[in-house]
């Protein structure tokens, strides 16, 4: 197999890692949008909580993706 044993991930793994990174960024964006919309509409605690949880989910996913090579 060409490239076997060179320490590089296969093409499928790169697509998977890219998709996971994209989802992490999307979750951070959704969380920030929720926080902004909640602030504009008067600030309910539930909206802030969900927004912060989405941001934490996205950042956590990106962190785990970066630490696991």
PDB file of N, CA and C in Angstrom:
ATOM      1  N   UNK A   1       0.835  -1.180   0.000  1.00  0.00           N
ATOM      2  CA  UNK A   1       0.000   0.000   0.000  1.00  0.00           C
ATOM      3  C   UNK A   1       0.878   1.240   0.000  1.00  0.00           C
ATOM      4  N   UNK A   2       0.633   2.176  -0.890  1.00  0.00           N
ATOM      5  CA  UNK A   2       1.418   3.412  -0.885  1.00  0.00           C
ATOM      6  C   UNK A   2       1.129   4.238   0.361  1.00  0.00           C
ATOM      7  N   UNK A   3       2.179   4.721   0.984  1.00  0.00           N
ATOM      8  CA  UNK A   3       2.017   5.580   2.151  1.00  0.00           C
ATOM      9  C   UNK A   3       1.855   4.834   3.451  1.00  0.00           C
ATOM     10  N   UNK A   4       1.800   3.507   3.392  1.00  0.00           N
ATOM     11  CA  UNK A   4       1.607   2.734   4.606  1.00  0.00           C
ATOM     12  C   UNK A   4       2.856   2.815   5.494  1.00  0.00           C
ATOM     13  N   UNK A   5       2.661   3.087   6.757  1.00  0.00           N
ATOM     14  CA  UNK A   5       3.758   3.119   7.695  1.00  0.00           C
ATOM     15  C   UNK A   5       4.478   4.452   7.798  1.00  0.00           C
ATOM     16  N   UNK A   6       3.961   5.454   7.179  1.00  0.00           N
ATOM     17  CA  UNK A   6       4.622   6.755   7.230  1.00  0.00           C
ATOM     18  C   UNK A   6       4.128   7.627   8.384  1.00  0.00           C
ATOM     19  N   UNK A   7       3.204   7.139   9.164  1.00  0.00           N
ATOM     20  CA  UNK A   7       2.726   7.895  10.317  1.00  0.00           C
ATOM     21  C   UNK A   7       1.663   8.931   9.998  1.00  0.00           C
ATOM     22  N   UNK A   8       1.179   8.937   8.786  1.00  0.00           N
ATOM     23  CA  UNK A   8       0.126   9.886   8.405  1.00  0.00           C
ATOM     24  C   UNK A   8      -1.230   9.187   8.415  1.00  0.00           C
ATOM     25  N   UNK A   9      -2.275   9.890   8.838  1.00  0.00           N
ATOM     26  CA  UNK A   9      -3.606   9.292   8.786  1.00  0.00           C
ATOM     27  C   UNK A   9      -4.075   9.137   7.344  1.00  0.00           C
ATOM     28  N   UNK A  10      -4.940   8.170   7.140  1.00  0.00           N
ATOM     29  CA  UNK A  10      -5.468   7.951   5.800  1.00  0.00           C
ATOM     30  C   UNK A  10      -6.438   9.066   5.413  1.00  0.00           C
ATOM     31  N   UNK A  11      -6.829   9.107   4.154  1.00  0.00           N
ATOM     32  CA  UNK A  11      -7.704  10.167   3.664  1.00  0.00           C
ATOM     33  C   UNK A  11      -9.040  10.226   4.377  1.00  0.00           C
ATOM     34  N   UNK A  12      -9.614   9.074   4.717  1.00  0.00           N
ATOM     35  CA  UNK A  12     -10.893   9.046   5.417  1.00  0.00           C
ATOM     36  C   UNK A  12     -10.817   9.666   6.795  1.00  0.00           C
ATOM     37  N   UNK A  13      -9.694   9.480   7.456  1.00  0.00           N
ATOM     38  CA  UNK A  13      -9.512  10.057   8.794  1.00  0.00           C
ATOM     39  C   UNK A  13      -9.435  11.574   8.696  1.00  0.00           C
ATOM     40  N   UNK A  14      -8.781  12.087   7.668  1.00  0.00           N
ATOM     41  CA  UNK A  14      -8.697  13.536   7.496  1.00  0.00           C
ATOM     42  C   UNK A  14     -10.071  14.148   7.265  1.00  0.00           C
ATOM     43  N   UNK A  15     -10.927  13.476   6.503  1.00  0.00           N
ATOM     44  CA  UNK A  15     -12.287  13.967   6.270  1.00  0.00           C
ATOM     45  C   UNK A  15     -13.068  13.971   7.579  1.00  0.00           C
ATOM     46  N   UNK A  16     -12.926  12.904   8.362  1.00  0.00           N
ATOM     47  CA  UNK A  16     -13.614  12.814   9.647  1.00  0.00           C
ATOM     48  C   UNK A  16     -13.164  13.938  10.585  1.00  0.00           C
ATOM     49  N   UNK A  17     -11.847  14.153  10.681  1.00  0.00           N
ATOM     50  CA  UNK A  17     -11.331  15.207  11.564  1.00  0.00           C
ATOM     51  C   UNK A  17     -11.806  16.579  11.100  1.00  0.00           C
ATOM     52  N   UNK A  18     -11.866  16.792   9.802  1.00  0.00           N
ATOM     53  CA  UNK A  18     -12.363  18.063   9.277  1.00  0.00           C
ATOM     54  C   UNK A  18     -13.827  18.280   9.607  1.00  0.00           C
ATOM     55  N   UNK A  19     -14.620  17.214   9.491  1.00  0.00           N
ATOM     56  CA  UNK A  19     -16.043  17.321   9.817  1.00  0.00           C
ATOM     57  C   UNK A  19     -16.254  17.604  11.302  1.00  0.00           C
ATOM     58  N   UNK A  20     -15.477  16.955  12.146  1.00  0.00           N
ATOM     59  CA  UNK A  20     -15.589  17.187  13.591  1.00  0.00           C
ATOM     60  C   UNK A  20     -15.189  18.622  13.928  1.00  0.00           C
ATOM     61  N   UNK A  21     -14.144  19.123  13.286  1.00  0.00           N
ATOM     62  CA  UNK A  21     -13.738  20.515  13.511  1.00  0.00           C
ATOM     63  C   UNK A  21     -14.835  21.472  13.058  1.00  0.00           C
ATOM     64  N   UNK A  22     -15.455  21.176  11.922  1.00  0.00           N
ATOM     65  CA  UNK A  22     -16.542  22.023  11.430  1.00  0.00           C
ATOM     66  C   UNK A  22     -17.708  22.032  12.414  1.00  0.00           C
ATOM     67  N   UNK A  23     -18.089  20.869  12.931  1.00  0.00           N
ATOM     68  CA  UNK A  23     -19.175  20.816  13.907  1.00  0.00           C
ATOM     69  C   UNK A  23     -18.819  21.585  15.174  1.00  0.00           C
ATOM     70  N   UNK A  24     -17.578  21.511  15.609  1.00  0.00           N
ATOM     71  CA  UNK A  24     -17.156  22.271  16.793  1.00  0.00           C
ATOM     72  C   UNK A  24     -17.310  23.764  16.587  1.00  0.00           C
ATOM     73  N   UNK A  25     -16.883  24.247  15.424  1.00  0.00           N
ATOM     74  CA  UNK A  25     -17.017  25.676  15.114  1.00  0.00           C
ATOM     75  C   UNK A  25     -18.481  26.072  15.000  1.00  0.00           C
ATOM     76  N   UNK A  26     -19.292  25.205  14.396  1.00  0.00           N
ATOM     77  CA  UNK A  26     -20.733  25.493  14.265  1.00  0.00           C
ATOM     78  C   UNK A  26     -21.387  25.579  15.647  1.00  0.00           C
ATOM     79  N   UNK A  27     -21.032  24.668  16.557  1.00  0.00           N
ATOM     80  CA  UNK A  27     -21.610  24.710  17.901  1.00  0.00           C
ATOM     81  C   UNK A  27     -21.214  25.984  18.645  1.00  0.00           C
ATOM     82  N   UNK A  28     -19.981  26.417  18.490  1.00  0.00           N
ATOM     83  CA  UNK A  28     -19.561  27.679  19.109  1.00  0.00           C
ATOM     84  C   UNK A  28     -20.378  28.835  18.520  1.00  0.00           C
ATOM     85  N   UNK A  29     -20.571  28.837  17.215  1.00  0.00           N
ATOM     86  CA  UNK A  29     -21.364  29.885  16.563  1.00  0.00           C
ATOM     87  C   UNK A  29     -22.809  29.897  17.030  1.00  0.00           C
ATOM     88  N   UNK A  30     -23.400  28.712  17.146  1.00  0.00           N
ATOM     89  CA  UNK A  30     -24.784  28.622  17.636  1.00  0.00           C
ATOM     90  C   UNK A  30     -24.874  29.149  19.065  1.00  0.00           C
ATOM     91  N   UNK A  31     -23.913  28.780  19.892  1.00  0.00           N
ATOM     92  CA  UNK A  31     -23.917  29.248  21.279  1.00  0.00           C
ATOM     93  C   UNK A  31     -23.792  30.753  21.382  1.00  0.00           C
ATOM     94  N   UNK A  32     -22.891  31.328  20.596  1.00  0.00           N
ATOM     95  CA  UNK A  32     -22.742  32.787  20.614  1.00  0.00           C
ATOM     96  C   UNK A  32     -24.008  33.471  20.104  1.00  0.00           C
ATOM     97  N   UNK A  33     -24.615  32.912  19.071  1.00  0.00           N
ATOM     98  CA  UNK A  33     -25.859  33.481  18.555  1.00  0.00           C
ATOM     99  C   UNK A  33     -26.968  33.418  19.606  1.00  0.00           C
ATOM    100  N   UNK A  34     -27.052  32.315  20.323  1.00  0.00           N
ATOM    101  CA  UNK A  34     -28.058  32.202  21.384  1.00  0.00           C
ATOM    102  C   UNK A  34     -27.833  33.243  22.474  1.00  0.00           C
ATOM    103  N   UNK A  35     -26.605  33.463  22.847  1.00  0.00           N
ATOM    104  CA  UNK A  35     -26.299  34.463  23.880  1.00  0.00           C
ATOM    105  C   UNK A  35     -26.668  35.859  23.395  1.00  0.00           C
ATOM    106  N   UNK A  36     -26.336  36.173  22.148  1.00  0.00           N
ATOM    107  CA  UNK A  36     -26.653  37.500  21.600  1.00  0.00           C
ATOM    108  C   UNK A  36     -28.159  37.703  21.508  1.00  0.00           C
ATOM    109  N   UNK A  37     -28.879  36.725  20.983  1.00  0.00           N
ATOM    110  CA  UNK A  37     -30.339  36.846  20.842  1.00  0.00           C
ATOM    111  C   UNK A  37     -30.998  36.938  22.214  1.00  0.00           C
ATOM    112  N   UNK A  38     -30.501  36.172  23.178  1.00  0.00           N
ATOM    113  CA  UNK A  38     -31.054  36.245  24.529  1.00  0.00           C
ATOM    114  C   UNK A  38     -30.844  37.627  25.128  1.00  0.00           C
ATOM    115  N   UNK A  39     -29.681  38.197  24.903  1.00  0.00           N
ATOM    116  CA  UNK A  39     -29.399  39.536  25.415  1.00  0.00           C
ATOM    117  C   UNK A  39     -30.314  40.570  24.765  1.00  0.00           C
ATOM    118  N   UNK A  40     -30.515  40.468  23.460  1.00  0.00           N
ATOM    119  CA  UNK A  40     -31.369  41.421  22.740  1.00  0.00           C
ATOM    120  C   UNK A  40     -32.813  41.348  23.215  1.00  0.00           C
ATOM    121  N   UNK A  41     -33.281  40.152  23.533  1.00  0.00           N
ATOM    122  CA  UNK A  41     -34.686  39.967  23.911  1.00  0.00           C
ATOM    123  C   UNK A  41     -34.927  40.027  25.419  1.00  0.00           C
ATOM    124  N   UNK A  42     -34.024  40.570  26.162  1.00  0.00           N
ATOM    125  CA  UNK A  42     -34.306  40.798  27.571  1.00  0.00           C
ATOM    126  C   UNK A  42     -33.546  39.922  28.540  1.00  0.00           C
ATOM    127  N   UNK A  43     -32.939  38.864  28.102  1.00  0.00           N
ATOM    128  CA  UNK A  43     -32.056  38.088  28.962  1.00  0.00           C
ATOM    129  C   UNK A  43     -32.714  37.108  29.903  1.00  0.00           C
ATOM    130  N   UNK A  44     -33.203  36.002  29.396  1.00  0.00           N
ATOM    131  CA  UNK A  44     -33.708  34.919  30.239  1.00  0.00           C
ATOM    132  C   UNK A  44     -32.539  34.009  30.603  1.00  0.00           C
ATOM    133  N   UNK A  45     -32.535  33.521  31.834  1.00  0.00           N
ATOM    134  CA  UNK A  45     -31.428  32.689  32.309  1.00  0.00           C
ATOM    135  C   UNK A  45     -31.285  31.417  31.481  1.00  0.00           C
ATOM    136  N   UNK A  46     -32.391  30.858  31.029  1.00  0.00           N
ATOM    137  CA  UNK A  46     -32.344  29.622  30.241  1.00  0.00           C
ATOM    138  C   UNK A  46     -31.607  29.834  28.927  1.00  0.00           C
ATOM    139  N   UNK A  47     -31.826  30.942  28.281  1.00  0.00           N
ATOM    140  CA  UNK A  47     -31.142  31.235  27.023  1.00  0.00           C
ATOM    141  C   UNK A  47     -29.646  31.364  27.201  1.00  0.00           C
ATOM    142  N   UNK A  48     -29.226  32.036  28.277  1.00  0.00           N
ATOM    143  CA  UNK A  48     -27.796  32.157  28.565  1.00  0.00           C
ATOM    144  C   UNK A  48     -27.185  30.788  28.856  1.00  0.00           C
ATOM    145  N   UNK A  49     -27.895  29.981  29.631  1.00  0.00           N
ATOM    146  CA  UNK A  49     -27.395  28.652  29.990  1.00  0.00           C
ATOM    147  C   UNK A  49     -27.190  27.787  28.752  1.00  0.00           C
ATOM    148  N   UNK A  50     -28.177  27.742  27.883  1.00  0.00           N
ATOM    149  CA  UNK A  50     -28.069  26.928  26.671  1.00  0.00           C
ATOM    150  C   UNK A  50     -26.955  27.464  25.774  1.00  0.00           C
ATOM    151  N   UNK A  51     -26.845  28.773  25.658  1.00  0.00           N
ATOM    152  CA  UNK A  51     -25.787  29.368  24.848  1.00  0.00           C
ATOM    153  C   UNK A  51     -24.405  29.017  25.361  1.00  0.00           C
ATOM    154  N   UNK A  52     -24.213  29.128  26.662  1.00  0.00           N
ATOM    155  CA  UNK A  52     -22.917  28.795  27.253  1.00  0.00           C
ATOM    156  C   UNK A  52     -22.619  27.310  27.094  1.00  0.00           C
ATOM    157  N   UNK A  53     -23.627  26.470  27.222  1.00  0.00           N
ATOM    158  CA  UNK A  53     -23.412  25.033  27.046  1.00  0.00           C
ATOM    159  C   UNK A  53     -23.021  24.696  25.601  1.00  0.00           C
ATOM    160  N   UNK A  54     -23.630  25.354  24.633  1.00  0.00           N
ATOM    161  CA  UNK A  54     -23.246  25.134  23.236  1.00  0.00           C
ATOM    162  C   UNK A  54     -21.809  25.577  22.983  1.00  0.00           C
ATOM    163  N   UNK A  55     -21.439  26.738  23.520  1.00  0.00           N
ATOM    164  CA  UNK A  55     -20.065  27.214  23.355  1.00  0.00           C
ATOM    165  C   UNK A  55     -19.094  26.232  24.005  1.00  0.00           C
ATOM    166  N   UNK A  56     -19.413  25.771  25.203  1.00  0.00           N
ATOM    167  CA  UNK A  56     -18.545  24.818  25.899  1.00  0.00           C
ATOM    168  C   UNK A  56     -18.440  23.502  25.123  1.00  0.00           C
ATOM    169  N   UNK A  57     -19.546  23.054  24.553  1.00  0.00           N
ATOM    170  CA  UNK A  57     -19.531  21.825  23.755  1.00  0.00           C
ATOM    171  C   UNK A  57     -18.601  21.969  22.551  1.00  0.00           C
ATOM    172  N   UNK A  58     -18.716  23.078  21.851  1.00  0.00           N
ATOM    173  CA  UNK A  58     -17.879  23.298  20.675  1.00  0.00           C
ATOM    174  C   UNK A  58     -16.414  23.416  21.021  1.00  0.00           C
ATOM    175  N   UNK A  59     -16.096  24.181  22.067  1.00  0.00           N
ATOM    176  CA  UNK A  59     -14.702  24.347  22.479  1.00  0.00           C
ATOM    177  C   UNK A  59     -14.138  23.023  22.984  1.00  0.00           C
ATOM    178  N   UNK A  60     -14.935  22.286  23.734  1.00  0.00           N
ATOM    179  CA  UNK A  60     -14.488  20.980  24.224  1.00  0.00           C
ATOM    180  C   UNK A  60     -14.207  20.008  23.095  1.00  0.00           C
ATOM    181  N   UNK A  61     -15.069  20.018  22.094  1.00  0.00           N
ATOM    182  CA  UNK A  61     -14.872  19.129  20.941  1.00  0.00           C
ATOM    183  C   UNK A  61     -13.601  19.498  20.183  1.00  0.00           C
ATOM    184  N   UNK A  62     -13.373  20.782  19.990  1.00  0.00           N
ATOM    185  CA  UNK A  62     -12.155  21.228  19.302  1.00  0.00           C
ATOM    186  C   UNK A  62     -10.914  20.901  20.126  1.00  0.00           C
ATOM    187  N   UNK A  63     -11.002  21.045  21.432  1.00  0.00           N
ATOM    188  CA  UNK A  63      -9.873  20.723  22.306  1.00  0.00           C
ATOM    189  C   UNK A  63      -9.532  19.234  22.212  1.00  0.00           C
ATOM    190  N   UNK A  64     -10.551  18.378  22.306  1.00  0.00           N
ATOM    191  CA  UNK A  64     -10.299  16.941  22.233  1.00  0.00           C
ATOM    192  C   UNK A  64      -9.745  16.538  20.858  1.00  0.00           C
ATOM    193  N   UNK A  65     -10.235  17.174  19.820  1.00  0.00           N
ATOM    194  CA  UNK A  65      -9.738  16.874  18.485  1.00  0.00           C
ATOM    195  C   UNK A  65      -8.268  17.244  18.365  1.00  0.00           C
ATOM    196  N   UNK A  66      -7.883  18.336  18.986  1.00  0.00           N
ATOM    197  CA  UNK A  66      -6.492  18.806  18.897  1.00  0.00           C
ATOM    198  C   UNK A  66      -5.550  17.950  19.740  1.00  0.00           C
ATOM    199  N   UNK A  67      -6.013  17.486  20.906  1.00  0.00           N
ATOM    200  CA  UNK A  67      -5.131  16.719  21.786  1.00  0.00           C
ATOM    201  C   UNK A  67      -4.988  15.263  21.343  1.00  0.00           C
ATOM    202  N   UNK A  68      -5.965  14.728  20.638  1.00  0.00           N
ATOM    203  CA  UNK A  68      -5.886  13.331  20.169  1.00  0.00           C
ATOM    204  C   UNK A  68      -5.384  13.307  18.744  1.00  0.00           C
ATOM    205  N   UNK A  69      -4.165  12.979  18.569  1.00  0.00           N
ATOM    206  CA  UNK A  69      -3.583  12.938  17.224  1.00  0.00           C
ATOM    207  C   UNK A  69      -3.605  11.571  16.705  1.00  0.00           C
TER     208      UNK A  69
END
